[in-house]
Amino acid sequence: MRASLHQARRVTMHASPVKPQAPPTPAKAGAADWTPLHLPPAELALHHTLPTGQSFRWRSAGAGAGYVGVVGRRVVHMADVGDGAAYRVLARVPEATPDGDNAAVRDYVQAGVALAPLAAAWAAADPGRYGRVARVVTGARVLRQGKGWREG
């Protein structure tokens, strides 16, 4: 039974009709390819947020190339471009329109929450432990976890 479930999952994962292209590194991609999130590194540090274990959807796109993962029903490449994080959508299901890309990504990283004032308050409340960590781990956000495959 266990082997057949594993085989079914493997077949399902490889049978996907969406085949995104390999993402270029941010340095090679044109600025027009990226949509900035307008969050400075103190508000969103991708390396402190995406590969941390709170979501297993993200994979490194290579040294300095950012991360590729799933946001709702989109395959997204996020990277540090210029003065902050930016993204580009590599693929989406037909129901996920390009018009909803920015709202979906901003909601996923909870861009509407000002992190720096919260981190400062937490550091003041716990200077011994959180205060020491906060000085070196800035921009670590809690991702908005979706509703699984029903997420839009």
C-alpha atoms as a PDB file:
ATOM      1  CA  MET A   1       0.000   0.000   0.000  1.00  0.00           C
ATOM      2  CA  ARG A   2       2.731   2.423   0.949  1.00  0.00           C
ATOM      3  CA  ALA A   3       4.658   1.872  -2.296  1.00  0.00           C
ATOM      4  CA  SER A   4       1.563   2.445  -4.424  1.00  0.00           C
ATOM      5  CA  LEU A   5       0.791   5.736  -2.623  1.00  0.00           C
ATOM      6  CA  HIS A   6       4.353   6.873  -3.168  1.00  0.00           C
ATOM      7  CA  GLN A   7       4.173   5.927  -6.848  1.00  0.00           C
ATOM      8  CA  ALA A   8       0.832   7.713  -7.223  1.00  0.00           C
ATOM      9  CA  ARG A   9       2.247  10.886  -5.675  1.00  0.00           C
ATOM     10  CA  ARG A  10       5.317  10.719  -7.905  1.00  0.00           C
ATOM     11  CA  VAL A  11       3.196  10.229 -11.035  1.00  0.00           C
ATOM     12  CA  THR A  12       0.888  13.070 -10.002  1.00  0.00           C
ATOM     13  CA  MET A  13       3.803  15.428  -9.377  1.00  0.00           C
ATOM     14  CA  HIS A  14       5.456  14.648 -12.715  1.00  0.00           C
ATOM     15  CA  ALA A  15       2.231  14.716 -14.716  1.00  0.00           C
ATOM     16  CA  SER A  16       1.749  18.458 -14.252  1.00  0.00           C
ATOM     17  CA  PRO A  17       0.971  20.298 -17.509  1.00  0.00           C
ATOM     18  CA  VAL A  18       2.764  23.420 -16.227  1.00  0.00           C
ATOM     19  CA  LYS A  19       6.425  23.422 -17.202  1.00  0.00           C
ATOM     20  CA  PRO A  20       8.052  26.676 -16.077  1.00  0.00           C
ATOM     21  CA  GLN A  21      11.269  27.765 -17.694  1.00  0.00           C
ATOM     22  CA  ALA A  22      14.443  27.890 -15.647  1.00  0.00           C
ATOM     23  CA  PRO A  23      14.631  31.284 -13.963  1.00  0.00           C
ATOM     24  CA  PRO A  24      17.457  33.589 -14.946  1.00  0.00           C
ATOM     25  CA  THR A  25      19.563  35.097 -12.216  1.00  0.00           C
ATOM     26  CA  PRO A  26      18.439  38.605 -11.208  1.00  0.00           C
ATOM     27  CA  ALA A  27      21.618  40.105 -12.654  1.00  0.00           C
ATOM     28  CA  LYS A  28      20.882  38.585 -16.081  1.00  0.00           C
ATOM     29  CA  ALA A  29      17.161  39.313 -16.140  1.00  0.00           C
ATOM     30  CA  GLY A  30      16.050  42.748 -17.213  1.00  0.00           C
ATOM     31  CA  ALA A  31      14.535  45.070 -14.610  1.00  0.00           C
ATOM     32  CA  ALA A  32      11.249  44.936 -16.529  1.00  0.00           C
ATOM     33  CA  ASP A  33      11.027  41.190 -15.787  1.00  0.00           C
ATOM     34  CA  TRP A  34      10.701  41.840 -12.042  1.00  0.00           C
ATOM     35  CA  THR A  35       7.928  43.405  -9.994  1.00  0.00           C
ATOM     36  CA  PRO A  36       9.316  45.092  -6.884  1.00  0.00           C
ATOM     37  CA  LEU A  37       7.571  44.505  -3.569  1.00  0.00           C
ATOM     38  CA  HIS A  38       8.737  47.906  -2.272  1.00  0.00           C
ATOM     39  CA  LEU A  39       9.898  46.366   0.996  1.00  0.00           C
ATOM     40  CA  PRO A  40      13.437  47.211   2.148  1.00  0.00           C
ATOM     41  CA  PRO A  41      15.619  44.374   3.483  1.00  0.00           C
ATOM     42  CA  ALA A  42      14.736  45.325   7.085  1.00  0.00           C
ATOM     43  CA  GLU A  43      11.102  44.537   6.208  1.00  0.00           C
ATOM     44  CA  LEU A  44      11.696  41.450   4.030  1.00  0.00           C
ATOM     45  CA  ALA A  45      14.918  39.472   3.864  1.00  0.00           C
ATOM     46  CA  LEU A  46      14.284  36.540   1.556  1.00  0.00           C
ATOM     47  CA  HIS A  47      17.178  34.477   2.949  1.00  0.00           C
ATOM     48  CA  HIS A  48      15.717  34.824   6.463  1.00  0.00           C
ATOM     49  CA  THR A  49      12.138  34.094   5.361  1.00  0.00           C
ATOM     50  CA  LEU A  50      11.788  31.603   2.502  1.00  0.00           C
ATOM     51  CA  PRO A  51      14.186  28.709   3.282  1.00  0.00           C
ATOM     52  CA  THR A  52      13.517  28.629   7.032  1.00  0.00           C
ATOM     53  CA  GLY A  53      11.185  25.665   7.372  1.00  0.00           C
ATOM     54  CA  GLN A  54       7.919  27.521   7.837  1.00  0.00           C
ATOM     55  CA  SER A  55       7.151  26.621   4.223  1.00  0.00           C
ATOM     56  CA  PHE A  56       8.660  23.789   2.236  1.00  0.00           C
ATOM     57  CA  ARG A  57       7.605  25.293  -1.094  1.00  0.00           C
ATOM     58  CA  TRP A  58      10.799  27.227  -1.753  1.00  0.00           C
ATOM     59  CA  ARG A  59      14.027  26.088  -3.406  1.00  0.00           C
ATOM     60  CA  SER A  60      17.199  28.031  -4.040  1.00  0.00           C
ATOM     61  CA  ALA A  61      17.545  29.184  -7.635  1.00  0.00           C
ATOM     62  CA  GLY A  62      21.328  29.199  -7.215  1.00  0.00           C
ATOM     63  CA  ALA A  63      23.884  31.350  -5.448  1.00  0.00           C
ATOM     64  CA  GLY A  64      22.542  34.900  -5.355  1.00  0.00           C
ATOM     65  CA  ALA A  65      19.653  34.027  -7.682  1.00  0.00           C
ATOM     66  CA  GLY A  66      16.848  34.012  -5.120  1.00  0.00           C
ATOM     67  CA  TYR A  67      14.221  31.323  -4.618  1.00  0.00           C
ATOM     68  CA  VAL A  68      11.564  29.560  -6.672  1.00  0.00           C
ATOM     69  CA  GLY A  69       8.379  28.406  -5.006  1.00  0.00           C
ATOM     70  CA  VAL A  70       4.618  28.327  -5.008  1.00  0.00           C
ATOM     71  CA  VAL A  71       2.340  31.200  -4.049  1.00  0.00           C
ATOM     72  CA  GLY A  72      -1.252  30.129  -4.294  1.00  0.00           C
ATOM     73  CA  ARG A  73      -1.656  28.816  -7.805  1.00  0.00           C
ATOM     74  CA  ARG A  74       1.469  30.442  -9.182  1.00  0.00           C
ATOM     75  CA  VAL A  75       5.092  29.373  -9.542  1.00  0.00           C
ATOM     76  CA  VAL A  76       7.067  32.416  -8.441  1.00  0.00           C
ATOM     77  CA  HIS A  77      10.725  33.404  -8.562  1.00  0.00           C
ATOM     78  CA  MET A  78      11.621  35.853  -5.771  1.00  0.00           C
ATOM     79  CA  ALA A  79      15.003  37.537  -5.494  1.00  0.00           C
ATOM     80  CA  ASP A  80      16.754  40.579  -4.128  1.00  0.00           C
ATOM     81  CA  VAL A  81      16.779  43.019  -7.024  1.00  0.00           C
ATOM     82  CA  GLY A  82      18.141  46.506  -6.488  1.00  0.00           C
ATOM     83  CA  ASP A  83      17.101  47.887  -3.091  1.00  0.00           C
ATOM     84  CA  GLY A  84      14.746  45.101  -2.060  1.00  0.00           C
ATOM     85  CA  ALA A  85      12.828  41.982  -2.894  1.00  0.00           C
ATOM     86  CA  ALA A  86      11.093  41.528  -6.219  1.00  0.00           C
ATOM     87  CA  TYR A  87       9.256  38.695  -7.925  1.00  0.00           C
ATOM     88  CA  ARG A  88       8.270  37.368 -11.301  1.00  0.00           C
ATOM     89  CA  VAL A  89       5.665  34.742 -12.054  1.00  0.00           C
ATOM     90  CA  LEU A  90       7.019  31.794 -14.030  1.00  0.00           C
ATOM     91  CA  ALA A  91       3.720  29.919 -14.417  1.00  0.00           C
ATOM     92  CA  ARG A  92       0.137  29.987 -13.184  1.00  0.00           C
ATOM     93  CA  VAL A  93      -2.984  27.906 -13.535  1.00  0.00           C
ATOM     94  CA  PRO A  94      -5.608  29.370 -15.903  1.00  0.00           C
ATOM     95  CA  GLU A  95      -7.811  30.514 -13.005  1.00  0.00           C
ATOM     96  CA  ALA A  96      -4.977  32.634 -11.556  1.00  0.00           C
ATOM     97  CA  THR A  97      -4.873  35.734 -13.718  1.00  0.00           C
ATOM     98  CA  PRO A  98      -1.888  38.074 -14.079  1.00  0.00           C
ATOM     99  CA  ASP A  99      -4.048  40.827 -12.565  1.00  0.00           C
ATOM    100  CA  GLY A 100      -4.001  38.981  -9.240  1.00  0.00           C
ATOM    101  CA  ASP A 101      -0.268  38.252  -9.126  1.00  0.00           C
ATOM    102  CA  ASN A 102       0.796  41.281  -7.084  1.00  0.00           C
ATOM    103  CA  ALA A 103      -1.996  40.918  -4.528  1.00  0.00           C
ATOM    104  CA  ALA A 104      -1.254  37.194  -4.115  1.00  0.00           C
ATOM    105  CA  VAL A 105       2.488  37.680  -3.565  1.00  0.00           C
ATOM    106  CA  ARG A 106       2.055  40.689  -1.253  1.00  0.00           C
ATOM    107  CA  ASP A 107      -0.554  38.789   0.772  1.00  0.00           C
ATOM    108  CA  TYR A 108       1.733  35.740   1.016  1.00  0.00           C
ATOM    109  CA  VAL A 109       4.598  37.774   2.539  1.00  0.00           C
ATOM    110  CA  GLN A 110       2.134  39.888   4.556  1.00  0.00           C
ATOM    111  CA  ALA A 111       3.525  43.072   3.026  1.00  0.00           C
ATOM    112  CA  GLY A 112       0.852  45.168   4.748  1.00  0.00           C
ATOM    113  CA  VAL A 113       2.373  44.437   8.159  1.00  0.00           C
ATOM    114  CA  ALA A 114       5.142  46.845   9.194  1.00  0.00           C
ATOM    115  CA  LEU A 115       7.754  44.452  10.583  1.00  0.00           C
ATOM    116  CA  ALA A 116      10.448  46.849  11.812  1.00  0.00           C
ATOM    117  CA  PRO A 117       8.330  48.494  14.572  1.00  0.00           C
ATOM    118  CA  LEU A 118       7.117  45.089  15.749  1.00  0.00           C
ATOM    119  CA  ALA A 119      10.662  43.692  15.857  1.00  0.00           C
ATOM    120  CA  ALA A 120      11.819  46.741  17.835  1.00  0.00           C
ATOM    121  CA  ALA A 121       9.003  46.259  20.372  1.00  0.00           C
ATOM    122  CA  TRP A 122       9.761  42.532  20.701  1.00  0.00           C
ATOM    123  CA  ALA A 123      13.473  43.267  21.165  1.00  0.00           C
ATOM    124  CA  ALA A 124      12.669  45.802  23.903  1.00  0.00           C
ATOM    125  CA  ALA A 125      10.398  43.284  25.639  1.00  0.00           C
ATOM    126  CA  ASP A 126      12.999  40.496  25.454  1.00  0.00           C
ATOM    127  CA  PRO A 127      16.451  42.105  25.171  1.00  0.00           C
ATOM    128  CA  GLY A 128      18.279  39.030  26.439  1.00  0.00           C
ATOM    129  CA  ARG A 129      17.254  36.580  23.758  1.00  0.00           C
ATOM    130  CA  TYR A 130      15.147  38.171  21.005  1.00  0.00           C
ATOM    131  CA  GLY A 131      17.041  41.451  21.208  1.00  0.00           C
ATOM    132  CA  ARG A 132      20.345  39.729  20.461  1.00  0.00           C
ATOM    133  CA  VAL A 133      18.869  37.675  17.618  1.00  0.00           C
ATOM    134  CA  ALA A 134      17.016  40.648  16.098  1.00  0.00           C
ATOM    135  CA  ARG A 135      20.280  42.524  15.564  1.00  0.00           C
ATOM    136  CA  VAL A 136      21.504  39.888  13.098  1.00  0.00           C
ATOM    137  CA  VAL A 137      18.266  38.335  11.790  1.00  0.00           C
ATOM    138  CA  THR A 138      16.375  41.255  10.284  1.00  0.00           C
ATOM    139  CA  GLY A 139      13.529  41.058   7.801  1.00  0.00           C
ATOM    140  CA  ALA A 140      12.398  37.553   8.805  1.00  0.00           C
ATOM    141  CA  ARG A 141       8.676  37.439   8.086  1.00  0.00           C
ATOM    142  CA  VAL A 142       5.957  34.978   8.924  1.00  0.00           C
ATOM    143  CA  LEU A 143       4.440  33.791   5.660  1.00  0.00           C
ATOM    144  CA  ARG A 144       0.695  33.612   5.244  1.00  0.00           C
ATOM    145  CA  GLN A 145       0.101  29.907   4.801  1.00  0.00           C
ATOM    146  CA  GLY A 146      -2.627  29.089   2.343  1.00  0.00           C
ATOM    147  CA  LYS A 147      -5.527  26.740   2.190  1.00  0.00           C
ATOM    148  CA  GLY A 148      -3.660  24.080   0.237  1.00  0.00           C
ATOM    149  CA  TRP A 149      -4.642  23.391  -3.337  1.00  0.00           C
ATOM    150  CA  ARG A 150      -7.781  25.523  -2.979  1.00  0.00           C
ATOM    151  CA  GLU A 151      -5.673  28.622  -2.432  1.00  0.00           C
ATOM    152  CA  GLY A 152      -6.115  31.264  -5.146  1.00  0.00           C
END
